[in-house]
Amino acid sequence: YTDWIARDPVIGKPMWKTFLTTELPRAVDRSLRTSGVNVIGGMSMSATSVLNLAIAEPKLYKGVAAYSGCARTSTLDGYSVIRGTVYIANKANVDNMWGPFGSPLWTKYDPYINAAKLRGQTLYLSSGNGMAGKYDKPGLQAPGAPSLGEQVVVGGALEAAAHTCTTSMAARLRSLRIPATVHLSGNGTHSWGYWQDELHRSWPTLDAALRR
């Protein structure tokens, strides 16, 4: 969820950052008479996005929650994951987003490298470990979600990677002496039931950010 630098033949030229940080807040504040104080959260690939949005617009957000995400974008592994995700989602070419691998924008939009810019934000990071957990049972999949087998196998691998990313980002923040609430929930895959739990778990932290 970012502003793409070039038009893609499949999806055009998405301008998510402009929408999320400029157009949407104006519409919400105008229509709902809100206070203008915001927090933001995201899961999976949008967890990376919300960290980048908070870095880019520190005055817009008081807090950010990233569930099962990965902050590293400028490494070959990070690039490969994002490239694959974008292609699987909509057959788009990620080079139209930030340029080819190694381009300056891949570093500019790497929350791990730019973690110091999160100072002053209320931060919440979470992930499972990729092992099957309480929601990885027959009949517990969300409507439209992958099959149980895919949730356990593919979702398990994705969450294991997210766990590595989350612990790495947590260590990075500690090294910078930036406070963060980090919840490593134990067994759990990359799936909706766990993200719902984390939304509820993180809400007191985000609510406190809205009130400060």
C-alpha atoms as a PDB file:
ATOM      1  CA  TYR A   1       0.000   0.000   0.000  1.00  0.00           C
ATOM      2  CA  THR A   2       2.161   2.783  -1.381  1.00  0.00           C
ATOM      3  CA  ASP A   3       2.288   5.289  -4.223  1.00  0.00           C
ATOM      4  CA  TRP A   4       3.590   3.478  -7.293  1.00  0.00           C
ATOM      5  CA  ILE A   5       6.165   5.257  -9.438  1.00  0.00           C
ATOM      6  CA  ALA A   6       5.077   3.869 -12.817  1.00  0.00           C
ATOM      7  CA  ARG A   7       1.882   2.696 -14.460  1.00  0.00           C
ATOM      8  CA  ASP A   8       1.495  -1.073 -14.419  1.00  0.00           C
ATOM      9  CA  PRO A   9      -0.233  -2.644 -17.445  1.00  0.00           C
ATOM     10  CA  VAL A  10      -2.408  -4.809 -15.188  1.00  0.00           C
ATOM     11  CA  ILE A  11      -3.450  -2.563 -12.282  1.00  0.00           C
ATOM     12  CA  GLY A  12      -2.594   0.940 -13.445  1.00  0.00           C
ATOM     13  CA  LYS A  13      -0.830   3.278 -11.028  1.00  0.00           C
ATOM     14  CA  PRO A  14      -2.078   2.793  -7.451  1.00  0.00           C
ATOM     15  CA  MET A  15      -1.660   5.792  -5.151  1.00  0.00           C
ATOM     16  CA  TRP A  16      -2.408   4.211  -1.802  1.00  0.00           C
ATOM     17  CA  LYS A  17      -0.214   6.504   0.293  1.00  0.00           C
ATOM     18  CA  THR A  18      -1.951   9.577  -1.109  1.00  0.00           C
ATOM     19  CA  PHE A  19      -5.349   8.034  -0.440  1.00  0.00           C
ATOM     20  CA  LEU A  20      -4.576   6.789   3.072  1.00  0.00           C
ATOM     21  CA  THR A  21      -2.654   9.815   4.364  1.00  0.00           C
ATOM     22  CA  THR A  22      -4.361  12.702   2.553  1.00  0.00           C
ATOM     23  CA  GLU A  23      -7.711  11.932   0.942  1.00  0.00           C
ATOM     24  CA  LEU A  24      -9.172   9.510   3.485  1.00  0.00           C
ATOM     25  CA  PRO A  25      -8.326  11.485   6.656  1.00  0.00           C
ATOM     26  CA  ARG A  26      -9.860  14.628   5.172  1.00  0.00           C
ATOM     27  CA  ALA A  27     -13.052  12.785   4.254  1.00  0.00           C
ATOM     28  CA  VAL A  28     -13.305  11.094   7.651  1.00  0.00           C
ATOM     29  CA  ASP A  29     -12.651  14.274   9.630  1.00  0.00           C
ATOM     30  CA  ARG A  30     -15.097  16.269   7.523  1.00  0.00           C
ATOM     31  CA  SER A  31     -17.900  13.700   7.484  1.00  0.00           C
ATOM     32  CA  LEU A  32     -17.632  12.331  11.019  1.00  0.00           C
ATOM     33  CA  ARG A  33     -16.358  15.441  12.812  1.00  0.00           C
ATOM     34  CA  THR A  34     -13.496  13.499  14.315  1.00  0.00           C
ATOM     35  CA  SER A  35     -10.628  14.904  16.346  1.00  0.00           C
ATOM     36  CA  GLY A  36      -7.927  14.476  13.722  1.00  0.00           C
ATOM     37  CA  VAL A  37      -5.997  12.170  16.052  1.00  0.00           C
ATOM     38  CA  ASN A  38      -5.238   8.856  14.342  1.00  0.00           C
ATOM     39  CA  VAL A  39      -3.688   5.453  14.827  1.00  0.00           C
ATOM     40  CA  ILE A  40      -3.175   2.865  12.104  1.00  0.00           C
ATOM     41  CA  GLY A  41      -2.849  -0.899  11.990  1.00  0.00           C
ATOM     42  CA  GLY A  42      -2.306  -3.593   9.403  1.00  0.00           C
ATOM     43  CA  MET A  43      -1.733  -7.305   9.056  1.00  0.00           C
ATOM     44  CA  SER A  44       0.450  -9.324   6.714  1.00  0.00           C
ATOM     45  CA  MET A  45       1.634  -7.184   3.783  1.00  0.00           C
ATOM     46  CA  SER A  46      -0.235  -4.152   5.122  1.00  0.00           C
ATOM     47  CA  ALA A  47       1.774  -4.434   8.360  1.00  0.00           C
ATOM     48  CA  THR A  48       4.816  -3.293   6.396  1.00  0.00           C
ATOM     49  CA  SER A  49       2.725  -0.535   4.842  1.00  0.00           C
ATOM     50  CA  VAL A  50       1.470   0.924   8.117  1.00  0.00           C
ATOM     51  CA  LEU A  51       5.005   1.185   9.473  1.00  0.00           C
ATOM     52  CA  ASN A  52       6.018   3.058   6.332  1.00  0.00           C
ATOM     53  CA  LEU A  53       2.989   5.350   6.543  1.00  0.00           C
ATOM     54  CA  ALA A  54       3.778   6.175  10.171  1.00  0.00           C
ATOM     55  CA  ILE A  55       7.391   6.916   9.233  1.00  0.00           C
ATOM     56  CA  ALA A  56       6.336   9.119   6.319  1.00  0.00           C
ATOM     57  CA  GLU A  57       3.616  10.990   8.230  1.00  0.00           C
ATOM     58  CA  PRO A  58       4.653  11.152  11.901  1.00  0.00           C
ATOM     59  CA  LYS A  59       2.278  14.024  12.645  1.00  0.00           C
ATOM     60  CA  LEU A  60      -0.724  12.153  11.261  1.00  0.00           C
ATOM     61  CA  TYR A  61      -0.485   9.068  13.472  1.00  0.00           C
ATOM     62  CA  LYS A  62      -0.037   8.690  17.215  1.00  0.00           C
ATOM     63  CA  GLY A  63       0.381   4.934  17.095  1.00  0.00           C
ATOM     64  CA  VAL A  64       0.827   1.977  14.784  1.00  0.00           C
ATOM     65  CA  ALA A  65       0.136  -1.747  15.098  1.00  0.00           C
ATOM     66  CA  ALA A  66       1.786  -4.279  12.780  1.00  0.00           C
ATOM     67  CA  TYR A  67       0.426  -7.820  12.953  1.00  0.00           C
ATOM     68  CA  SER A  68       2.404 -10.645  11.292  1.00  0.00           C
ATOM     69  CA  GLY A  69       4.397  -8.352   9.036  1.00  0.00           C
ATOM     70  CA  CYS A  70       7.952  -7.993   7.828  1.00  0.00           C
ATOM     71  CA  ALA A  71       9.805  -4.701   8.063  1.00  0.00           C
ATOM     72  CA  ARG A  72      12.745  -5.651   5.847  1.00  0.00           C
ATOM     73  CA  THR A  73      12.151  -4.610   2.236  1.00  0.00           C
ATOM     74  CA  SER A  74      15.590  -3.705   0.900  1.00  0.00           C
ATOM     75  CA  THR A  75      17.197  -7.139   1.296  1.00  0.00           C
ATOM     76  CA  LEU A  76      16.969  -9.715  -1.478  1.00  0.00           C
ATOM     77  CA  ASP A  77      14.699 -11.852   0.703  1.00  0.00           C
ATOM     78  CA  GLY A  78      12.426  -8.904   1.428  1.00  0.00           C
ATOM     79  CA  TYR A  79      12.281  -7.905  -2.216  1.00  0.00           C
ATOM     80  CA  SER A  80      11.528 -11.479  -3.288  1.00  0.00           C
ATOM     81  CA  VAL A  81       8.662 -11.824  -0.809  1.00  0.00           C
ATOM     82  CA  ILE A  82       7.097  -8.529  -1.855  1.00  0.00           C
ATOM     83  CA  ARG A  83       7.569  -9.291  -5.547  1.00  0.00           C
ATOM     84  CA  GLY A  84       5.884 -12.670  -5.128  1.00  0.00           C
ATOM     85  CA  THR A  85       3.062 -11.248  -3.036  1.00  0.00           C
ATOM     86  CA  VAL A  86       2.273  -8.505  -5.545  1.00  0.00           C
ATOM     87  CA  TYR A  87       2.335 -10.943  -8.444  1.00  0.00           C
ATOM     88  CA  ILE A  88       0.186 -13.565  -6.727  1.00  0.00           C
ATOM     89  CA  ALA A  89      -2.339 -10.934  -5.626  1.00  0.00           C
ATOM     90  CA  ASN A  90      -2.911  -9.297  -8.992  1.00  0.00           C
ATOM     91  CA  LYS A  91      -0.244 -10.321 -11.544  1.00  0.00           C
ATOM     92  CA  ALA A  92       1.408  -6.889 -11.272  1.00  0.00           C
ATOM     93  CA  ASN A  93       5.119  -6.135 -11.684  1.00  0.00           C
ATOM     94  CA  VAL A  94       6.597  -4.852  -8.437  1.00  0.00           C
ATOM     95  CA  ASP A  95       9.307  -2.968 -10.338  1.00  0.00           C
ATOM     96  CA  ASN A  96       6.565  -0.482 -11.225  1.00  0.00           C
ATOM     97  CA  MET A  97       6.093   0.131  -7.502  1.00  0.00           C
ATOM     98  CA  TRP A  98       9.566   1.142  -6.258  1.00  0.00           C
ATOM     99  CA  GLY A  99      11.786   0.322  -9.218  1.00  0.00           C
ATOM    100  CA  PRO A 100      14.095  -2.679  -9.713  1.00  0.00           C
ATOM    101  CA  PHE A 101      15.778  -4.360  -6.763  1.00  0.00           C
ATOM    102  CA  GLY A 102      18.506  -2.124  -5.380  1.00  0.00           C
ATOM    103  CA  SER A 103      16.768   1.099  -6.352  1.00  0.00           C
ATOM    104  CA  PRO A 104      16.872   3.840  -3.675  1.00  0.00           C
ATOM    105  CA  LEU A 105      13.152   3.565  -2.908  1.00  0.00           C
ATOM    106  CA  TRP A 106      13.576   0.036  -1.588  1.00  0.00           C
ATOM    107  CA  THR A 107      15.786   1.482   1.142  1.00  0.00           C
ATOM    108  CA  LYS A 108      13.597   4.546   1.642  1.00  0.00           C
ATOM    109  CA  TYR A 109      10.637   2.274   2.340  1.00  0.00           C
ATOM    110  CA  ASP A 110      12.445  -0.199   4.594  1.00  0.00           C
ATOM    111  CA  PRO A 111      11.002   0.296   8.114  1.00  0.00           C
ATOM    112  CA  TYR A 112      13.849  -1.677   9.675  1.00  0.00           C
ATOM    113  CA  ILE A 113      16.461   0.706   8.283  1.00  0.00           C
ATOM    114  CA  ASN A 114      14.319   3.746   9.072  1.00  0.00           C
ATOM    115  CA  ALA A 115      13.149   2.543  12.488  1.00  0.00           C
ATOM    116  CA  ALA A 116      14.582   5.610  14.248  1.00  0.00           C
ATOM    117  CA  LYS A 117      11.859   7.656  12.568  1.00  0.00           C
ATOM    118  CA  LEU A 118       9.267   5.755  14.604  1.00  0.00           C
ATOM    119  CA  ARG A 119      10.490   7.385  17.810  1.00  0.00           C
ATOM    120  CA  GLY A 120       7.589   9.032  19.601  1.00  0.00           C
ATOM    121  CA  GLN A 121       4.987   6.675  18.148  1.00  0.00           C
ATOM    122  CA  THR A 122       3.111   4.140  20.246  1.00  0.00           C
ATOM    123  CA  LEU A 123       4.134   0.812  18.693  1.00  0.00           C
ATOM    124  CA  TYR A 124       2.594  -2.659  18.808  1.00  0.00           C
ATOM    125  CA  LEU A 125       4.147  -5.640  16.999  1.00  0.00           C
ATOM    126  CA  SER A 126       2.899  -9.219  17.020  1.00  0.00           C
ATOM    127  CA  SER A 127       3.174 -12.602  15.338  1.00  0.00           C
ATOM    128  CA  GLY A 128       2.689 -16.295  15.908  1.00  0.00           C
ATOM    129  CA  ASN A 129       5.394 -18.896  15.351  1.00  0.00           C
ATOM    130  CA  GLY A 130       3.860 -20.705  12.371  1.00  0.00           C
ATOM    131  CA  MET A 131       2.913 -23.888  14.210  1.00  0.00           C
ATOM    132  CA  ALA A 132      -0.724 -24.971  14.038  1.00  0.00           C
ATOM    133  CA  GLY A 133      -2.790 -23.390  16.806  1.00  0.00           C
ATOM    134  CA  LYS A 134      -6.330 -23.026  18.085  1.00  0.00           C
ATOM    135  CA  TYR A 135      -7.790 -21.671  14.827  1.00  0.00           C
ATOM    136  CA  ASP A 136      -6.152 -24.291  12.624  1.00  0.00           C
ATOM    137  CA  LYS A 137      -8.949 -26.833  12.919  1.00  0.00           C
ATOM    138  CA  PRO A 138     -11.778 -27.954  10.616  1.00  0.00           C
ATOM    139  CA  GLY A 139     -14.692 -25.538  10.471  1.00  0.00           C
ATOM    140  CA  LEU A 140     -12.832 -22.554  11.918  1.00  0.00           C
ATOM    141  CA  GLN A 141     -11.714 -20.932   8.654  1.00  0.00           C
ATOM    142  CA  ALA A 142     -13.069 -17.491   7.837  1.00  0.00           C
ATOM    143  CA  PRO A 143     -15.443 -17.218   4.832  1.00  0.00           C
ATOM    144  CA  GLY A 144     -13.408 -17.138   1.632  1.00  0.00           C
ATOM    145  CA  ALA A 145     -10.234 -18.132   3.458  1.00  0.00           C
ATOM    146  CA  PRO A 146      -7.850 -20.805   2.134  1.00  0.00           C
ATOM    147  CA  SER A 147      -8.450 -24.463   2.879  1.00  0.00           C
ATOM    148  CA  LEU A 148      -7.321 -25.830   6.217  1.00  0.00           C
ATOM    149  CA  GLY A 149      -4.403 -27.600   4.565  1.00  0.00           C
ATOM    150  CA  GLU A 150      -3.239 -24.429   2.847  1.00  0.00           C
ATOM    151  CA  GLN A 151      -3.721 -22.445   6.040  1.00  0.00           C
ATOM    152  CA  VAL A 152      -1.517 -24.841   7.986  1.00  0.00           C
ATOM    153  CA  VAL A 153       1.179 -25.405   5.350  1.00  0.00           C
ATOM    154  CA  VAL A 154       1.396 -22.091   3.501  1.00  0.00           C
ATOM    155  CA  GLY A 155       0.086 -19.991   6.379  1.00  0.00           C
ATOM    156  CA  GLY A 156       2.477 -21.736   8.722  1.00  0.00           C
ATOM    157  CA  ALA A 157       5.473 -20.900   6.563  1.00  0.00           C
ATOM    158  CA  LEU A 158       4.373 -17.293   6.156  1.00  0.00           C
ATOM    159  CA  GLU A 159       3.851 -16.849   9.883  1.00  0.00           C
ATOM    160  CA  ALA A 160       7.200 -18.434  10.697  1.00  0.00           C
ATOM    161  CA  ALA A 161       8.807 -15.850   8.419  1.00  0.00           C
ATOM    162  CA  ALA A 162       6.751 -13.092  10.035  1.00  0.00           C
ATOM    163  CA  HIS A 163       7.914 -14.299  13.452  1.00  0.00           C
ATOM    164  CA  THR A 164      11.541 -13.935  12.390  1.00  0.00           C
ATOM    165  CA  CYS A 165      10.823 -10.476  10.997  1.00  0.00           C
ATOM    166  CA  THR A 166       8.941  -9.390  14.114  1.00  0.00           C
ATOM    167  CA  THR A 167      11.668 -10.473  16.515  1.00  0.00           C
ATOM    168  CA  SER A 168      14.251  -8.784  14.292  1.00  0.00           C
ATOM    169  CA  MET A 169      12.297  -5.518  14.240  1.00  0.00           C
ATOM    170  CA  ALA A 170      11.760  -5.712  17.995  1.00  0.00           C
ATOM    171  CA  ALA A 171      15.510  -6.091  18.509  1.00  0.00           C
ATOM    172  CA  ARG A 172      16.145  -3.154  16.199  1.00  0.00           C
ATOM    173  CA  LEU A 173      13.789  -0.955  18.212  1.00  0.00           C
ATOM    174  CA  ARG A 174      15.413  -2.046  21.474  1.00  0.00           C
ATOM    175  CA  SER A 175      18.831  -1.145  20.090  1.00  0.00           C
ATOM    176  CA  LEU A 176      17.490   2.334  19.359  1.00  0.00           C
ATOM    177  CA  ARG A 177      15.821   2.523  22.792  1.00  0.00           C
ATOM    178  CA  ILE A 178      12.427   2.996  21.196  1.00  0.00           C
ATOM    179  CA  PRO A 179       9.645   1.505  23.360  1.00  0.00           C
ATOM    180  CA  ALA A 180       7.322  -1.023  21.745  1.00  0.00           C
ATOM    181  CA  THR A 181       4.759  -3.548  22.899  1.00  0.00           C
ATOM    182  CA  VAL A 182       5.706  -6.878  21.332  1.00  0.00           C
ATOM    183  CA  HIS A 183       3.422  -9.900  21.609  1.00  0.00           C
ATOM    184  CA  LEU A 184       4.692 -13.243  20.347  1.00  0.00           C
ATOM    185  CA  SER A 185       1.583 -15.347  20.675  1.00  0.00           C
ATOM    186  CA  GLY A 186       3.113 -18.799  20.313  1.00  0.00           C
ATOM    187  CA  ASN A 187       1.386 -21.340  18.086  1.00  0.00           C
ATOM    188  CA  GLY A 188      -0.556 -19.793  15.218  1.00  0.00           C
ATOM    189  CA  THR A 189      -0.535 -19.450  11.447  1.00  0.00           C
ATOM    190  CA  HIS A 190      -0.906 -16.545   9.031  1.00  0.00           C
ATOM    191  CA  SER A 191      -4.702 -16.362   9.262  1.00  0.00           C
ATOM    192  CA  TRP A 192      -7.653 -14.248  10.308  1.00  0.00           C
ATOM    193  CA  GLY A 193      -8.535 -15.701  13.686  1.00  0.00           C
ATOM    194  CA  TYR A 194      -5.156 -14.781  15.117  1.00  0.00           C
ATOM    195  CA  TRP A 195      -5.250 -11.266  13.643  1.00  0.00           C
ATOM    196  CA  GLN A 196      -8.670 -10.724  15.178  1.00  0.00           C
ATOM    197  CA  ASP A 197      -7.259 -11.704  18.560  1.00  0.00           C
ATOM    198  CA  GLU A 198      -4.327  -9.335  18.112  1.00  0.00           C
ATOM    199  CA  LEU A 199      -6.601  -6.451  17.143  1.00  0.00           C
ATOM    200  CA  HIS A 200      -8.473  -6.890  20.417  1.00  0.00           C
ATOM    201  CA  ARG A 201      -5.251  -7.366  22.374  1.00  0.00           C
ATOM    202  CA  SER A 202      -3.661  -4.262  20.874  1.00  0.00           C
ATOM    203  CA  TRP A 203      -6.666  -1.992  21.262  1.00  0.00           C
ATOM    204  CA  PRO A 204      -5.870  -0.755  24.804  1.00  0.00           C
ATOM    205  CA  THR A 205      -2.414   0.261  23.545  1.00  0.00           C
ATOM    206  CA  LEU A 206      -3.851   2.067  20.521  1.00  0.00           C
ATOM    207  CA  ASP A 207      -6.640   3.623  22.569  1.00  0.00           C
ATOM    208  CA  ALA A 208      -4.083   5.065  24.974  1.00  0.00           C
ATOM    209  CA  ALA A 209      -2.235   6.566  21.997  1.00  0.00           C
ATOM    210  CA  LEU A 210      -5.434   8.224  20.787  1.00  0.00           C
ATOM    211  CA  ARG A 211      -5.954   9.801  24.205  1.00  0.00           C
ATOM    212  CA  ARG A 212      -2.458  11.163  24.812  1.00  0.00           C
END
